[in-house]
């Protein structure tokens, strides 16, 4: 249990892909469970759900940053791209909660759904490409072999 806590709360050192995936799975399970609970207590209140999503995003920033920065350190990177990913994610989350860049559209039978404006769709596509790049960097590419400026090779420590 101590290892999962330190995985999600510290920024020093390096972690391998396996530890990163474990952290991602833990955070995903937490996010899904909390989202389901919030959905159950919201009684269809879209504004409540939107702001609850912002709060959940903010609550998960630190553990996400901790596992991400240690992975970037494993690849001998300072993590600036990770900081950009997290910041843009929060901005998009707040934009969604505020309802900026969406047009309510009647799709029939009185059902109105928010449809993103073109500018927001383009920004979301650009962000998605960047997020995929980061997923490859964090989850699939091997770290620096041997020690680097951020610490010893986590694979050497595991052996």
Protein backbone atom coordinates (compact mmCIF):
# COMPACT_ATOMS: atom_id res chain seq x y z
CA UNK A 1 0.00 0.00 0.00
CA UNK A 2 2.88 2.36 0.78
CA UNK A 3 4.23 1.89 -2.73
CA UNK A 4 0.92 2.90 -4.37
CA UNK A 5 0.67 5.94 -2.06
CA UNK A 6 4.21 7.06 -2.88
CA UNK A 7 3.57 6.33 -6.57
CA UNK A 8 0.62 8.76 -6.51
CA UNK A 9 2.02 11.43 -4.16
CA UNK A 10 5.72 11.96 -4.89
CA UNK A 11 7.49 13.49 -7.88
CA UNK A 12 11.07 12.41 -7.27
CA UNK A 13 12.82 9.71 -9.25
CA UNK A 14 11.76 7.53 -12.13
CA UNK A 15 9.20 4.81 -12.73
CA UNK A 16 8.86 2.26 -15.48
CA UNK A 17 5.92 1.66 -17.76
CA UNK A 18 4.46 -1.05 -15.51
CA UNK A 19 4.26 1.28 -12.50
CA UNK A 20 2.79 4.02 -14.69
CA UNK A 21 0.06 1.71 -16.00
CA UNK A 22 -0.74 0.59 -12.45
CA UNK A 23 -1.12 4.24 -11.41
CA UNK A 24 -3.27 5.01 -14.46
CA UNK A 25 -5.55 2.06 -13.76
CA UNK A 26 -5.94 3.07 -10.09
CA UNK A 27 -6.80 6.65 -11.09
CA UNK A 28 -9.19 5.48 -13.83
CA UNK A 29 -11.05 3.22 -11.40
CA UNK A 30 -11.32 6.07 -8.88
CA UNK A 31 -12.56 8.45 -11.60
CA UNK A 32 -15.16 5.96 -12.87
CA UNK A 33 -16.49 5.13 -9.39
CA UNK A 34 -16.70 8.79 -8.36
CA UNK A 35 -18.34 9.72 -11.69
CA UNK A 36 -20.96 7.01 -11.26
CA UNK A 37 -21.67 8.14 -7.71
CA UNK A 38 -21.96 11.76 -8.82
CA UNK A 39 -24.24 10.76 -11.68
CA UNK A 40 -26.48 8.88 -9.24
CA UNK A 41 -26.82 11.84 -6.87
CA UNK A 42 -27.14 14.55 -9.55
CA UNK A 43 -30.66 13.54 -10.65
CA UNK A 44 -29.94 14.70 -14.19
CA UNK A 45 -28.66 18.14 -13.21
CA UNK A 46 -26.24 18.81 -16.09
CA UNK A 47 -24.71 21.91 -14.49
CA UNK A 48 -23.94 19.98 -11.30
CA UNK A 49 -22.36 17.16 -13.30
CA UNK A 50 -20.24 19.57 -15.37
CA UNK A 51 -18.83 21.29 -12.30
CA UNK A 52 -18.42 17.97 -10.48
CA UNK A 53 -16.28 16.85 -13.45
CA UNK A 54 -14.12 19.97 -12.99
CA UNK A 55 -13.76 19.19 -9.27
CA UNK A 56 -12.86 15.56 -10.01
CA UNK A 57 -10.31 16.67 -12.60
CA UNK A 58 -8.75 19.05 -10.07
CA UNK A 59 -8.70 16.34 -7.39
CA UNK A 60 -6.85 13.95 -9.70
CA UNK A 61 -4.31 16.48 -11.03
CA UNK A 62 -1.65 15.87 -8.37
CA UNK A 63 -1.60 12.05 -8.57
CA UNK A 64 -1.73 12.23 -12.37
CA UNK A 65 1.14 14.70 -12.37
CA UNK A 66 3.15 12.52 -9.96
CA UNK A 67 2.99 9.39 -12.10
CA UNK A 68 3.41 11.34 -15.33
CA UNK A 69 6.42 13.37 -14.24
CA UNK A 70 8.24 10.27 -12.98
CA UNK A 71 7.62 8.61 -16.36
CA UNK A 72 8.91 11.68 -18.18
CA UNK A 73 11.95 11.61 -15.87
CA UNK A 74 12.47 7.97 -16.85
CA UNK A 75 12.73 9.18 -20.45
CA UNK A 76 15.19 11.94 -19.33
CA UNK A 77 12.65 14.70 -19.95
CA UNK A 78 11.73 17.60 -17.65
CA UNK A 79 7.99 17.10 -18.18
CA UNK A 80 7.05 20.45 -19.71
CA UNK A 81 4.85 18.63 -22.22
CA UNK A 82 3.06 16.87 -19.35
CA UNK A 83 2.39 20.21 -17.66
CA UNK A 84 0.91 21.54 -20.92
CA UNK A 85 -1.28 18.43 -21.25
CA UNK A 86 -2.65 18.81 -17.72
CA UNK A 87 -3.20 22.59 -18.01
CA UNK A 88 -5.02 22.32 -21.34
CA UNK A 89 -7.12 19.47 -19.95
CA UNK A 90 -8.27 21.68 -17.06
CA UNK A 91 -9.00 24.60 -19.42
CA UNK A 92 -11.12 22.36 -21.69
CA UNK A 93 -12.90 20.96 -18.63
CA UNK A 94 -13.82 24.47 -17.43
CA UNK A 95 -14.87 25.55 -20.95
CA UNK A 96 -17.20 22.56 -21.05
CA UNK A 97 -18.63 23.35 -17.60
CA UNK A 98 -19.27 26.95 -18.63
CA UNK A 99 -20.96 25.82 -21.85
CA UNK A 100 -18.64 27.92 -24.00
CA UNK A 101 -18.29 26.85 -27.61
CA UNK A 102 -21.41 24.69 -27.78
CA UNK A 103 -24.75 25.27 -29.43
CA UNK A 104 -27.85 23.59 -28.00
CA UNK A 105 -29.39 21.65 -30.89
CA UNK A 106 -32.86 20.08 -31.02
CA UNK A 107 -32.48 16.55 -32.43
CA UNK A 108 -36.20 15.84 -32.37
CA UNK A 109 -38.84 14.85 -29.85
CA UNK A 110 -37.83 17.83 -27.72
CA UNK A 111 -34.39 16.34 -27.03
CA UNK A 112 -31.75 19.07 -26.98
CA UNK A 113 -28.08 18.17 -27.03
CA UNK A 114 -25.01 20.44 -26.92
CA UNK A 115 -23.11 20.39 -30.22
CA UNK A 116 -19.55 21.78 -30.18
CA UNK A 117 -18.84 24.75 -32.43
CA UNK A 118 -16.28 24.26 -35.21
CA UNK A 119 -13.48 26.11 -33.39
CA UNK A 120 -13.91 23.93 -30.31
CA UNK A 121 -14.02 20.77 -32.42
CA UNK A 122 -10.73 21.74 -34.11
CA UNK A 123 -9.08 22.49 -30.75
CA UNK A 124 -10.33 19.18 -29.36
CA UNK A 125 -8.86 17.31 -32.34
CA UNK A 126 -5.49 19.03 -31.91
CA UNK A 127 -5.59 18.21 -28.19
CA UNK A 128 -6.48 14.58 -28.97
CA UNK A 129 -3.42 14.23 -31.23
CA UNK A 130 -1.22 15.70 -28.47
CA UNK A 131 -2.83 13.38 -25.88
CA UNK A 132 -2.08 10.36 -28.08
CA UNK A 133 1.53 11.52 -28.41
CA UNK A 134 1.72 11.76 -24.61
CA UNK A 135 0.14 8.33 -24.19
CA UNK A 136 2.84 6.84 -26.41
CA UNK A 137 5.57 8.72 -24.50
CA UNK A 138 4.28 7.73 -21.07
CA UNK A 139 2.87 4.28 -21.60
CA UNK A 140 4.71 2.60 -24.45
CA UNK A 141 8.24 3.90 -24.96
CA UNK A 142 11.09 2.47 -22.91
CA UNK A 143 12.90 4.76 -20.51
CA UNK A 144 16.54 5.76 -20.59
CA UNK A 145 18.80 2.78 -20.01
CA UNK A 146 20.94 3.23 -16.92
CA UNK A 147 21.00 6.19 -14.58
CA UNK A 148 20.09 9.65 -15.83
CA UNK A 149 19.88 13.08 -14.17
CA UNK A 150 16.63 12.04 -12.42
CA UNK A 151 17.89 8.89 -10.76
CA UNK A 152 18.74 5.23 -11.29
CA UNK A 153 17.06 3.06 -13.91
CA UNK A 154 13.87 1.63 -12.33
CA UNK A 155 14.35 -1.57 -14.34
CA UNK A 156 17.81 -2.07 -12.80
CA UNK A 157 16.30 -1.62 -9.32
CA UNK A 158 13.60 -4.21 -10.11
CA UNK A 159 16.13 -6.80 -11.23
